[in-house]
Amino acid sequence: DQYGIEYETIFQKFLKKLTGQVNYDILAHGISAYRKVAVEHIVPY
């Protein structure tokens, strides 16, 4: 809501807000899972 629904580094902002830092191992797991599900769920009505 603050940065926009298409904000590309939102997980970095999220981790920074939640933990005060960006753990890139954790970040990579999140991004990888996000992208995998996106491919499966971008389907036409």
ModelCIF file with pLDDT and N, C-alpha, C, O atoms, coordinates in Angstrom:
data_MODEL
#
_entry.id   MODEL 
#
_entity.id                         1 
_entity.type                       polymer 
_entity.pdbx_number_of_molecules   1 
#
_entity_poly.entity_id                      1 
_entity_poly.type                           'polypeptide(L)' 
_entity_poly.nstd_linkage                   no 
_entity_poly.nstd_monomer                   no 
_entity_poly.pdbx_seq_one_letter_code       DQYGIEYETIFQKFLKKLTGQVNYDILAHGISAYRKVAVEHIVPY 
_entity_poly.pdbx_seq_one_letter_code_can   DQYGIEYETIFQKFLKKLTGQVNYDILAHGISAYRKVAVEHIVPY 
_entity_poly.pdbx_strand_id                 A 
#
loop_
_entity_poly_seq.entity_id 
_entity_poly_seq.num 
_entity_poly_seq.mon_id 
_entity_poly_seq.hetero 
1 1  ASP n 
1 2  GLN n 
1 3  TYR n 
1 4  GLY n 
1 5  ILE n 
1 6  GLU n 
1 7  TYR n 
1 8  GLU n 
1 9  THR n 
1 10 ILE n 
1 11 PHE n 
1 12 GLN n 
1 13 LYS n 
1 14 PHE n 
1 15 LEU n 
1 16 LYS n 
1 17 LYS n 
1 18 LEU n 
1 19 THR n 
1 20 GLY n 
1 21 GLN n 
1 22 VAL n 
1 23 ASN n 
1 24 TYR n 
1 25 ASP n 
1 26 ILE n 
1 27 LEU n 
1 28 ALA n 
1 29 HIS n 
1 30 GLY n 
1 31 ILE n 
1 32 SER n 
1 33 ALA n 
1 34 TYR n 
1 35 ARG n 
1 36 LYS n 
1 37 VAL n 
1 38 ALA n 
1 39 VAL n 
1 40 GLU n 
1 41 HIS n 
1 42 ILE n 
1 43 VAL n 
1 44 PRO n 
1 45 TYR n 
#
_struct_asym.id          A 
_struct_asym.entity_id   1 
#
loop_
_ma_qa_metric.id 
_ma_qa_metric.mode 
_ma_qa_metric.name 
_ma_qa_metric.software_group_id 
_ma_qa_metric.type 
1 global pLDDT . pLDDT 
2 local  pLDDT . pLDDT 
#
_ma_qa_metric_global.metric_id      1 
_ma_qa_metric_global.metric_value   94.98 
_ma_qa_metric_global.model_id       1 
_ma_qa_metric_global.ordinal_id     1 
#
loop_
_ma_qa_metric_local.label_asym_id 
_ma_qa_metric_local.label_comp_id 
_ma_qa_metric_local.label_seq_id 
_ma_qa_metric_local.metric_id 
_ma_qa_metric_local.metric_value 
_ma_qa_metric_local.model_id 
_ma_qa_metric_local.ordinal_id 
A ASP 1  2 95.00 1 1  
A GLN 2  2 96.00 1 2  
A TYR 3  2 95.00 1 3  
A GLY 4  2 91.00 1 4  
A ILE 5  2 91.00 1 5  
A GLU 6  2 89.00 1 6  
A TYR 7  2 92.00 1 7  
A GLU 8  2 90.00 1 8  
A THR 9  2 96.00 1 9  
A ILE 10 2 97.00 1 10 
A PHE 11 2 98.00 1 11 
A GLN 12 2 98.00 1 12 
A LYS 13 2 97.00 1 13 
A PHE 14 2 98.00 1 14 
A LEU 15 2 98.00 1 15 
A LYS 16 2 97.00 1 16 
A LYS 17 2 96.00 1 17 
A LEU 18 2 95.00 1 18 
A THR 19 2 96.00 1 19 
A GLY 20 2 96.00 1 20 
A GLN 21 2 97.00 1 21 
A VAL 22 2 97.00 1 22 
A ASN 23 2 97.00 1 23 
A TYR 24 2 97.00 1 24 
A ASP 25 2 98.00 1 25 
A ILE 26 2 98.00 1 26 
A LEU 27 2 98.00 1 27 
A ALA 28 2 98.00 1 28 
A HIS 29 2 98.00 1 29 
A GLY 30 2 98.00 1 30 
A ILE 31 2 97.00 1 31 
A SER 32 2 97.00 1 32 
A ALA 33 2 97.00 1 33 
A TYR 34 2 96.00 1 34 
A ARG 35 2 92.00 1 35 
A LYS 36 2 93.00 1 36 
A VAL 37 2 94.00 1 37 
A ALA 38 2 90.00 1 38 
A VAL 39 2 84.00 1 39 
A GLU 40 2 86.00 1 40 
A HIS 41 2 89.00 1 41 
A ILE 42 2 93.00 1 42 
A VAL 43 2 95.00 1 43 
A PRO 44 2 97.00 1 44 
A TYR 45 2 97.00 1 45 
#
loop_
_atom_site.group_PDB 
_atom_site.id 
_atom_site.type_symbol 
_atom_site.label_atom_id 
_atom_site.label_alt_id 
_atom_site.label_comp_id 
_atom_site.label_asym_id 
_atom_site.label_entity_id 
_atom_site.label_seq_id 
_atom_site.pdbx_PDB_ins_code 
_atom_site.Cartn_x 
_atom_site.Cartn_y 
_atom_site.Cartn_z 
_atom_site.occupancy 
_atom_site.B_iso_or_equiv 
_atom_site.pdbx_formal_charge 
_atom_site.auth_seq_id 
_atom_site.auth_comp_id 
_atom_site.auth_asym_id 
_atom_site.auth_atom_id 
_atom_site.pdbx_PDB_model_num 
ATOM 1   N N  . ASP A 1 1  ? 0.830   -1.205  0.000   1.00 95.00 ? 1  ASP A N  1 
ATOM 2   C CA . ASP A 1 1  ? 0.000   0.000   0.000   1.00 95.00 ? 1  ASP A CA 1 
ATOM 3   C C  . ASP A 1 1  ? 0.864   1.254   0.000   1.00 95.00 ? 1  ASP A C  1 
ATOM 4   O O  . ASP A 1 1  ? 0.513   2.260   -0.617  1.00 95.00 ? 1  ASP A O  1 
ATOM 5   N N  . GLN A 1 2  ? 1.984   1.188   0.689   1.00 96.00 ? 2  GLN A N  1 
ATOM 6   C CA . GLN A 1 2  ? 2.870   2.348   0.800   1.00 96.00 ? 2  GLN A CA 1 
ATOM 7   C C  . GLN A 1 2  ? 3.703   2.585   -0.451  1.00 96.00 ? 2  GLN A C  1 
ATOM 8   O O  . GLN A 1 2  ? 3.856   3.723   -0.895  1.00 96.00 ? 2  GLN A O  1 
ATOM 9   N N  . TYR A 1 3  ? 4.248   1.498   -1.026  1.00 95.00 ? 3  TYR A N  1 
ATOM 10  C CA . TYR A 1 3  ? 5.197   1.638   -2.130  1.00 95.00 ? 3  TYR A CA 1 
ATOM 11  C C  . TYR A 1 3  ? 4.617   1.288   -3.505  1.00 95.00 ? 3  TYR A C  1 
ATOM 12  O O  . TYR A 1 3  ? 5.233   1.585   -4.529  1.00 95.00 ? 3  TYR A O  1 
ATOM 13  N N  . GLY A 1 4  ? 3.446   0.664   -3.533  1.00 91.00 ? 4  GLY A N  1 
ATOM 14  C CA . GLY A 1 4  ? 2.838   0.295   -4.805  1.00 91.00 ? 4  GLY A CA 1 
ATOM 15  C C  . GLY A 1 4  ? 2.840   -1.217  -4.992  1.00 91.00 ? 4  GLY A C  1 
ATOM 16  O O  . GLY A 1 4  ? 3.784   -1.902  -4.599  1.00 91.00 ? 4  GLY A O  1 
ATOM 17  N N  . ILE A 1 5  ? 1.781   -1.724  -5.591  1.00 91.00 ? 5  ILE A N  1 
ATOM 18  C CA . ILE A 1 5  ? 1.592   -3.165  -5.721  1.00 91.00 ? 5  ILE A CA 1 
ATOM 19  C C  . ILE A 1 5  ? 2.612   -3.819  -6.641  1.00 91.00 ? 5  ILE A C  1 
ATOM 20  O O  . ILE A 1 5  ? 2.787   -5.037  -6.590  1.00 91.00 ? 5  ILE A O  1 
ATOM 21  N N  . GLU A 1 6  ? 3.298   -3.033  -7.488  1.00 89.00 ? 6  GLU A N  1 
ATOM 22  C CA . GLU A 1 6  ? 4.300   -3.580  -8.399  1.00 89.00 ? 6  GLU A CA 1 
ATOM 23  C C  . GLU A 1 6  ? 5.733   -3.340  -7.904  1.00 89.00 ? 6  GLU A C  1 
ATOM 24  O O  . GLU A 1 6  ? 6.687   -3.585  -8.642  1.00 89.00 ? 6  GLU A O  1 
ATOM 25  N N  . TYR A 1 7  ? 5.888   -2.870  -6.677  1.00 92.00 ? 7  TYR A N  1 
ATOM 26  C CA . TYR A 1 7  ? 7.213   -2.513  -6.166  1.00 92.00 ? 7  TYR A CA 1 
ATOM 27  C C  . TYR A 1 7  ? 8.129   -3.740  -6.174  1.00 92.00 ? 7  TYR A C  1 
ATOM 28  O O  . TYR A 1 7  ? 7.834   -4.749  -5.533  1.00 92.00 ? 7  TYR A O  1 
ATOM 29  N N  . GLU A 1 8  ? 9.240   -3.642  -6.904  1.00 90.00 ? 8  GLU A N  1 
ATOM 30  C CA . GLU A 1 8  ? 10.034  -4.829  -7.216  1.00 90.00 ? 8  GLU A CA 1 
ATOM 31  C C  . GLU A 1 8  ? 10.909  -5.337  -6.075  1.00 90.00 ? 8  GLU A C  1 
ATOM 32  O O  . GLU A 1 8  ? 11.249  -6.520  -6.057  1.00 90.00 ? 8  GLU A O  1 
ATOM 33  N N  . THR A 1 9  ? 11.282  -4.490  -5.131  1.00 96.00 ? 9  THR A N  1 
ATOM 34  C CA . THR A 1 9  ? 12.122  -4.944  -4.020  1.00 96.00 ? 9  THR A CA 1 
ATOM 35  C C  . THR A 1 9  ? 11.342  -4.952  -2.703  1.00 96.00 ? 9  THR A C  1 
ATOM 36  O O  . THR A 1 9  ? 11.873  -4.610  -1.647  1.00 96.00 ? 9  THR A O  1 
ATOM 37  N N  . ILE A 1 10 ? 10.089  -5.344  -2.791  1.00 97.00 ? 10 ILE A N  1 
ATOM 38  C CA . ILE A 1 10 ? 9.206   -5.308  -1.622  1.00 97.00 ? 10 ILE A CA 1 
ATOM 39  C C  . ILE A 1 10 ? 9.660   -6.275  -0.535  1.00 97.00 ? 10 ILE A C  1 
ATOM 40  O O  . ILE A 1 10 ? 9.517   -5.969  0.649   1.00 97.00 ? 10 ILE A O  1 
ATOM 41  N N  . PHE A 1 11 ? 10.211  -7.450  -0.908  1.00 98.00 ? 11 PHE A N  1 
ATOM 42  C CA . PHE A 1 11 ? 10.652  -8.403  0.104   1.00 98.00 ? 11 PHE A CA 1 
ATOM 43  C C  . PHE A 1 11 ? 11.857  -7.864  0.884   1.00 98.00 ? 11 PHE A C  1 
ATOM 44  O O  . PHE A 1 11 ? 12.012  -8.153  2.071   1.00 98.00 ? 11 PHE A O  1 
ATOM 45  N N  . GLN A 1 12 ? 12.702  -7.086  0.217   1.00 98.00 ? 12 GLN A N  1 
ATOM 46  C CA . GLN A 1 12 ? 13.808  -6.454  0.922   1.00 98.00 ? 12 GLN A CA 1 
ATOM 47  C C  . GLN A 1 12 ? 13.277  -5.457  1.960   1.00 98.00 ? 12 GLN A C  1 
ATOM 48  O O  . GLN A 1 12 ? 13.741  -5.421  3.100   1.00 98.00 ? 12 GLN A O  1 
ATOM 49  N N  . LYS A 1 13 ? 12.293  -4.651  1.542   1.00 97.00 ? 13 LYS A N  1 
ATOM 50  C CA . LYS A 1 13 ? 11.663  -3.702  2.467   1.00 97.00 ? 13 LYS A CA 1 
ATOM 51  C C  . LYS A 1 13 ? 11.013  -4.445  3.632   1.00 97.00 ? 13 LYS A C  1 
ATOM 52  O O  . LYS A 1 13 ? 11.087  -4.021  4.785   1.00 97.00 ? 13 LYS A O  1 
ATOM 53  N N  . PHE A 1 14 ? 10.380  -5.557  3.299   1.00 98.00 ? 14 PHE A N  1 
ATOM 54  C CA . PHE A 1 14 ? 9.684   -6.369  4.299   1.00 98.00 ? 14 PHE A CA 1 
ATOM 55  C C  . PHE A 1 14 ? 10.665  -6.910  5.345   1.00 98.00 ? 14 PHE A C  1 
ATOM 56  O O  . PHE A 1 14 ? 10.425  -6.787  6.546   1.00 98.00 ? 14 PHE A O  1 
ATOM 57  N N  . LEU A 1 15 ? 11.758  -7.501  4.890   1.00 98.00 ? 15 LEU A N  1 
ATOM 58  C CA . LEU A 1 15 ? 12.742  -8.066  5.819   1.00 98.00 ? 15 LEU A CA 1 
ATOM 59  C C  . LEU A 1 15 ? 13.407  -6.979  6.661   1.00 98.00 ? 15 LEU A C  1 
ATOM 60  O O  . LEU A 1 15 ? 13.666  -7.172  7.849   1.00 98.00 ? 15 LEU A O  1 
ATOM 61  N N  . LYS A 1 16 ? 13.676  -5.845  6.037   1.00 97.00 ? 16 LYS A N  1 
ATOM 62  C CA . LYS A 1 16 ? 14.283  -4.722  6.754   1.00 97.00 ? 16 LYS A CA 1 
ATOM 63  C C  . LYS A 1 16 ? 13.351  -4.232  7.864   1.00 97.00 ? 16 LYS A C  1 
ATOM 64  O O  . LYS A 1 16 ? 13.795  -3.943  8.975   1.00 97.00 ? 16 LYS A O  1 
ATOM 65  N N  . LYS A 1 17 ? 12.081  -4.145  7.558   1.00 96.00 ? 17 LYS A N  1 
ATOM 66  C CA . LYS A 1 17 ? 11.103  -3.672  8.540   1.00 96.00 ? 17 LYS A CA 1 
ATOM 67  C C  . LYS A 1 17 ? 10.907  -4.687  9.665   1.00 96.00 ? 17 LYS A C  1 
ATOM 68  O O  . LYS A 1 17 ? 10.760  -4.324  10.832  1.00 96.00 ? 17 LYS A O  1 
ATOM 69  N N  . LEU A 1 18 ? 10.909  -5.960  9.292   1.00 95.00 ? 18 LEU A N  1 
ATOM 70  C CA . LEU A 1 18 ? 10.617  -7.011  10.264  1.00 95.00 ? 18 LEU A CA 1 
ATOM 71  C C  . LEU A 1 18 ? 11.816  -7.345  11.146  1.00 95.00 ? 18 LEU A C  1 
ATOM 72  O O  . LEU A 1 18 ? 11.661  -7.577  12.345  1.00 95.00 ? 18 LEU A O  1 
ATOM 73  N N  . THR A 1 19 ? 13.017  -7.369  10.553  1.00 96.00 ? 19 THR A N  1 
ATOM 74  C CA . THR A 1 19 ? 14.196  -7.825  11.291  1.00 96.00 ? 19 THR A CA 1 
ATOM 75  C C  . THR A 1 19 ? 15.302  -6.789  11.425  1.00 96.00 ? 19 THR A C  1 
ATOM 76  O O  . THR A 1 19 ? 16.254  -6.976  12.182  1.00 96.00 ? 19 THR A O  1 
ATOM 77  N N  . GLY A 1 20 ? 15.167  -5.691  10.677  1.00 96.00 ? 20 GLY A N  1 
ATOM 78  C CA . GLY A 1 20 ? 16.197  -4.660  10.729  1.00 96.00 ? 20 GLY A CA 1 
ATOM 79  C C  . GLY A 1 20 ? 17.329  -4.876  9.756   1.00 96.00 ? 20 GLY A C  1 
ATOM 80  O O  . GLY A 1 20 ? 18.238  -4.051  9.659   1.00 96.00 ? 20 GLY A O  1 
ATOM 81  N N  . GLN A 1 21 ? 17.282  -5.998  9.021   1.00 97.00 ? 21 GLN A N  1 
ATOM 82  C CA . GLN A 1 21 ? 18.326  -6.277  8.035   1.00 97.00 ? 21 GLN A CA 1 
ATOM 83  C C  . GLN A 1 21 ? 17.776  -7.202  6.950   1.00 97.00 ? 21 GLN A C  1 
ATOM 84  O O  . GLN A 1 21 ? 16.690  -7.764  7.092   1.00 97.00 ? 21 GLN A O  1 
ATOM 85  N N  . VAL A 1 22 ? 18.531  -7.351  5.876   1.00 97.00 ? 22 VAL A N  1 
ATOM 86  C CA . VAL A 1 22 ? 18.135  -8.240  4.782   1.00 97.00 ? 22 VAL A CA 1 
ATOM 87  C C  . VAL A 1 22 ? 19.050  -9.458  4.785   1.00 97.00 ? 22 VAL A C  1 
ATOM 88  O O  . VAL A 1 22 ? 20.235  -9.356  4.466   1.00 97.00 ? 22 VAL A O  1 
ATOM 89  N N  . ASN A 1 23 ? 18.495  -10.606 5.146   1.00 97.00 ? 23 ASN A N  1 
ATOM 90  C CA . ASN A 1 23 ? 19.217  -11.871 5.067   1.00 97.00 ? 23 ASN A CA 1 
ATOM 91  C C  . ASN A 1 23 ? 18.982  -12.415 3.658   1.00 97.00 ? 23 ASN A C  1 
ATOM 92  O O  . ASN A 1 23 ? 17.863  -12.792 3.311   1.00 97.00 ? 23 ASN A O  1 
ATOM 93  N N  . TYR A 1 24 ? 20.042  -12.453 2.848   1.00 97.00 ? 24 TYR A N  1 
ATOM 94  C CA . TYR A 1 24 ? 19.857  -12.779 1.437   1.00 97.00 ? 24 TYR A CA 1 
ATOM 95  C C  . TYR A 1 24 ? 19.548  -14.250 1.186   1.00 97.00 ? 24 TYR A C  1 
ATOM 96  O O  . TYR A 1 24 ? 18.987  -14.595 0.146   1.00 97.00 ? 24 TYR A O  1 
ATOM 97  N N  . ASP A 1 25 ? 19.900  -15.103 2.110   1.00 98.00 ? 25 ASP A N  1 
ATOM 98  C CA . ASP A 1 25 ? 19.502  -16.510 2.003   1.00 98.00 ? 25 ASP A CA 1 
ATOM 99  C C  . ASP A 1 25 ? 17.984  -16.625 2.135   1.00 98.00 ? 25 ASP A C  1 
ATOM 100 O O  . ASP A 1 25 ? 17.321  -17.264 1.318   1.00 98.00 ? 25 ASP A O  1 
ATOM 101 N N  . ILE A 1 26 ? 17.454  -15.999 3.172   1.00 98.00 ? 26 ILE A N  1 
ATOM 102 C CA . ILE A 1 26 ? 16.002  -16.000 3.389   1.00 98.00 ? 26 ILE A CA 1 
ATOM 103 C C  . ILE A 1 26 ? 15.291  -15.283 2.251   1.00 98.00 ? 26 ILE A C  1 
ATOM 104 O O  . ILE A 1 26 ? 14.258  -15.747 1.769   1.00 98.00 ? 26 ILE A O  1 
ATOM 105 N N  . LEU A 1 27 ? 15.840  -14.153 1.820   1.00 98.00 ? 27 LEU A N  1 
ATOM 106 C CA . LEU A 1 27 ? 15.254  -13.385 0.717   1.00 98.00 ? 27 LEU A CA 1 
ATOM 107 C C  . LEU A 1 27 ? 15.144  -14.230 -0.552  1.00 98.00 ? 27 LEU A C  1 
ATOM 108 O O  . LEU A 1 27 ? 14.106  -14.232 -1.214  1.00 98.00 ? 27 LEU A O  1 
ATOM 109 N N  . ALA A 1 28 ? 16.204  -14.937 -0.881  1.00 98.00 ? 28 ALA A N  1 
ATOM 110 C CA . ALA A 1 28 ? 16.217  -15.752 -2.095  1.00 98.00 ? 28 ALA A CA 1 
ATOM 111 C C  . ALA A 1 28 ? 15.158  -16.843 -2.057  1.00 98.00 ? 28 ALA A C  1 
ATOM 112 O O  . ALA A 1 28 ? 14.524  -17.134 -3.071  1.00 98.00 ? 28 ALA A O  1 
ATOM 113 N N  . HIS A 1 29 ? 14.964  -17.452 -0.879  1.00 98.00 ? 29 HIS A N  1 
ATOM 114 C CA . HIS A 1 29 ? 13.914  -18.465 -0.748  1.00 98.00 ? 29 HIS A CA 1 
ATOM 115 C C  . HIS A 1 29 ? 12.533  -17.848 -1.007  1.00 98.00 ? 29 HIS A C  1 
ATOM 116 O O  . HIS A 1 29 ? 11.692  -18.450 -1.674  1.00 98.00 ? 29 HIS A O  1 
ATOM 117 N N  . GLY A 1 30 ? 12.313  -16.653 -0.479  1.00 98.00 ? 30 GLY A N  1 
ATOM 118 C CA . GLY A 1 30 ? 11.029  -15.983 -0.667  1.00 98.00 ? 30 GLY A CA 1 
ATOM 119 C C  . GLY A 1 30 ? 10.764  -15.618 -2.111  1.00 98.00 ? 30 GLY A C  1 
ATOM 120 O O  . GLY A 1 30 ? 9.672   -15.851 -2.629  1.00 98.00 ? 30 GLY A O  1 
ATOM 121 N N  . ILE A 1 31 ? 11.763  -15.046 -2.762  1.00 97.00 ? 31 ILE A N  1 
ATOM 122 C CA . ILE A 1 31 ? 11.614  -14.634 -4.157  1.00 97.00 ? 31 ILE A CA 1 
ATOM 123 C C  . ILE A 1 31 ? 11.395  -15.845 -5.059  1.00 97.00 ? 31 ILE A C  1 
ATOM 124 O O  . ILE A 1 31 ? 10.546  -15.818 -5.951  1.00 97.00 ? 31 ILE A O  1 
ATOM 125 N N  . SER A 1 32 ? 12.159  -16.898 -4.823  1.00 97.00 ? 32 SER A N  1 
ATOM 126 C CA . SER A 1 32 ? 12.034  -18.107 -5.637  1.00 97.00 ? 32 SER A CA 1 
ATOM 127 C C  . SER A 1 32 ? 10.639  -18.704 -5.540  1.00 97.00 ? 32 SER A C  1 
ATOM 128 O O  . SER A 1 32 ? 10.052  -19.086 -6.552  1.00 97.00 ? 32 SER A O  1 
ATOM 129 N N  . ALA A 1 33 ? 10.108  -18.785 -4.321  1.00 97.00 ? 33 ALA A N  1 
ATOM 130 C CA . ALA A 1 33 ? 8.764   -19.332 -4.121  1.00 97.00 ? 33 ALA A CA 1 
ATOM 131 C C  . ALA A 1 33 ? 7.706   -18.434 -4.749  1.00 97.00 ? 33 ALA A C  1 
ATOM 132 O O  . ALA A 1 33 ? 6.752   -18.915 -5.361  1.00 97.00 ? 33 ALA A O  1 
ATOM 133 N N  . TYR A 1 34 ? 7.881   -17.131 -4.591  1.00 96.00 ? 34 TYR A N  1 
ATOM 134 C CA . TYR A 1 34 ? 6.949   -16.161 -5.172  1.00 96.00 ? 34 TYR A CA 1 
ATOM 135 C C  . TYR A 1 34 ? 6.871   -16.341 -6.690  1.00 96.00 ? 34 TYR A C  1 
ATOM 136 O O  . TYR A 1 34 ? 5.781   -16.423 -7.256  1.00 96.00 ? 34 TYR A O  1 
ATOM 137 N N  . ARG A 1 35 ? 8.023   -16.400 -7.336  1.00 92.00 ? 35 ARG A N  1 
ATOM 138 C CA . ARG A 1 35 ? 8.063   -16.491 -8.797  1.00 92.00 ? 35 ARG A CA 1 
ATOM 139 C C  . ARG A 1 35 ? 7.470   -17.809 -9.305  1.00 92.00 ? 35 ARG A C  1 
ATOM 140 O O  . ARG A 1 35 ? 6.789   -17.839 -10.330 1.00 92.00 ? 35 ARG A O  1 
ATOM 141 N N  . LYS A 1 36 ? 7.736   -18.880 -8.584  1.00 93.00 ? 36 LYS A N  1 
ATOM 142 C CA . LYS A 1 36 ? 7.208   -20.186 -8.992  1.00 93.00 ? 36 LYS A CA 1 
ATOM 143 C C  . LYS A 1 36 ? 5.681   -20.179 -8.981  1.00 93.00 ? 36 LYS A C  1 
ATOM 144 O O  . LYS A 1 36 ? 5.043   -20.659 -9.918  1.00 93.00 ? 36 LYS A O  1 
ATOM 145 N N  . VAL A 1 37 ? 5.109   -19.635 -7.923  1.00 94.00 ? 37 VAL A N  1 
ATOM 146 C CA . VAL A 1 37 ? 3.649   -19.582 -7.817  1.00 94.00 ? 37 VAL A CA 1 
ATOM 147 C C  . VAL A 1 37 ? 3.063   -18.609 -8.832  1.00 94.00 ? 37 VAL A C  1 
ATOM 148 O O  . VAL A 1 37 ? 1.979   -18.851 -9.362  1.00 94.00 ? 37 VAL A O  1 
ATOM 149 N N  . ALA A 1 38 ? 3.764   -17.513 -9.110  1.00 90.00 ? 38 ALA A N  1 
ATOM 150 C CA . ALA A 1 38 ? 3.273   -16.533 -10.085 1.00 90.00 ? 38 ALA A CA 1 
ATOM 151 C C  . ALA A 1 38 ? 3.069   -17.169 -11.448 1.00 90.00 ? 38 ALA A C  1 
ATOM 152 O O  . ALA A 1 38 ? 2.059   -16.925 -12.109 1.00 90.00 ? 38 ALA A O  1 
ATOM 153 N N  . VAL A 1 39 ? 4.025   -17.981 -11.868 1.00 84.00 ? 39 VAL A N  1 
ATOM 154 C CA . VAL A 1 39 ? 3.923   -18.652 -13.172 1.00 84.00 ? 39 VAL A CA 1 
ATOM 155 C C  . VAL A 1 39 ? 2.695   -19.547 -13.228 1.00 84.00 ? 39 VAL A C  1 
ATOM 156 O O  . VAL A 1 39 ? 2.029   -19.642 -14.259 1.00 84.00 ? 39 VAL A O  1 
ATOM 157 N N  . GLU A 1 40 ? 2.403   -20.201 -12.110 1.00 86.00 ? 40 GLU A N  1 
ATOM 158 C CA . GLU A 1 40 ? 1.275   -21.131 -12.058 1.00 86.00 ? 40 GLU A CA 1 
ATOM 159 C C  . GLU A 1 40 ? -0.069  -20.419 -11.991 1.00 86.00 ? 40 GLU A C  1 
ATOM 160 O O  . GLU A 1 40 ? -1.082  -20.957 -12.437 1.00 86.00 ? 40 GLU A O  1 
ATOM 161 N N  . HIS A 1 41 ? -0.080  -19.208 -11.433 1.00 89.00 ? 41 HIS A N  1 
ATOM 162 C CA . HIS A 1 41 ? -1.351  -18.521 -11.158 1.00 89.00 ? 41 HIS A CA 1 
ATOM 163 C C  . HIS A 1 41 ? -1.705  -17.405 -12.131 1.00 89.00 ? 41 HIS A C  1 
ATOM 164 O O  . HIS A 1 41 ? -2.801  -16.849 -12.051 1.00 89.00 ? 41 HIS A O  1 
ATOM 165 N N  . ILE A 1 42 ? -0.809  -17.070 -13.041 1.00 93.00 ? 42 ILE A N  1 
ATOM 166 C CA . ILE A 1 42 ? -1.165  -16.050 -14.044 1.00 93.00 ? 42 ILE A CA 1 
ATOM 167 C C  . ILE A 1 42 ? -1.919  -16.760 -15.165 1.00 93.00 ? 42 ILE A C  1 
ATOM 168 O O  . ILE A 1 42 ? -1.336  -17.196 -16.158 1.00 93.00 ? 42 ILE A O  1 
ATOM 169 N N  . VAL A 1 43 ? -3.207  -16.859 -14.979 1.00 95.00 ? 43 VAL A N  1 
ATOM 170 C CA . VAL A 1 43 ? -4.073  -17.529 -15.952 1.00 95.00 ? 43 VAL A CA 1 
ATOM 171 C C  . VAL A 1 43 ? -5.220  -16.588 -16.301 1.00 95.00 ? 43 VAL A C  1 
ATOM 172 O O  . VAL A 1 43 ? -5.623  -15.778 -15.467 1.00 95.00 ? 43 VAL A O  1 
ATOM 173 N N  . PRO A 1 44 ? -5.750  -16.679 -17.508 1.00 97.00 ? 44 PRO A N  1 
ATOM 174 C CA . PRO A 1 44 ? -6.857  -15.797 -17.881 1.00 97.00 ? 44 PRO A CA 1 
ATOM 175 C C  . PRO A 1 44 ? -8.151  -16.185 -17.176 1.00 97.00 ? 44 PRO A C  1 
ATOM 176 O O  . PRO A 1 44 ? -8.364  -17.348 -16.835 1.00 97.00 ? 44 PRO A O  1 
ATOM 177 N N  . TYR A 1 45 ? -8.995  -15.209 -16.970 1.00 97.00 ? 45 TYR A N  1 
ATOM 178 C CA . TYR A 1 45 ? -10.344 -15.496 -16.478 1.00 97.00 ? 45 TYR A CA 1 
ATOM 179 C C  . TYR A 1 45 ? -11.051 -16.432 -17.466 1.00 97.00 ? 45 TYR A C  1 
ATOM 180 O O  . TYR A 1 45 ? -12.204 -16.804 -17.248 1.00 97.00 ? 45 TYR A O  1 
#
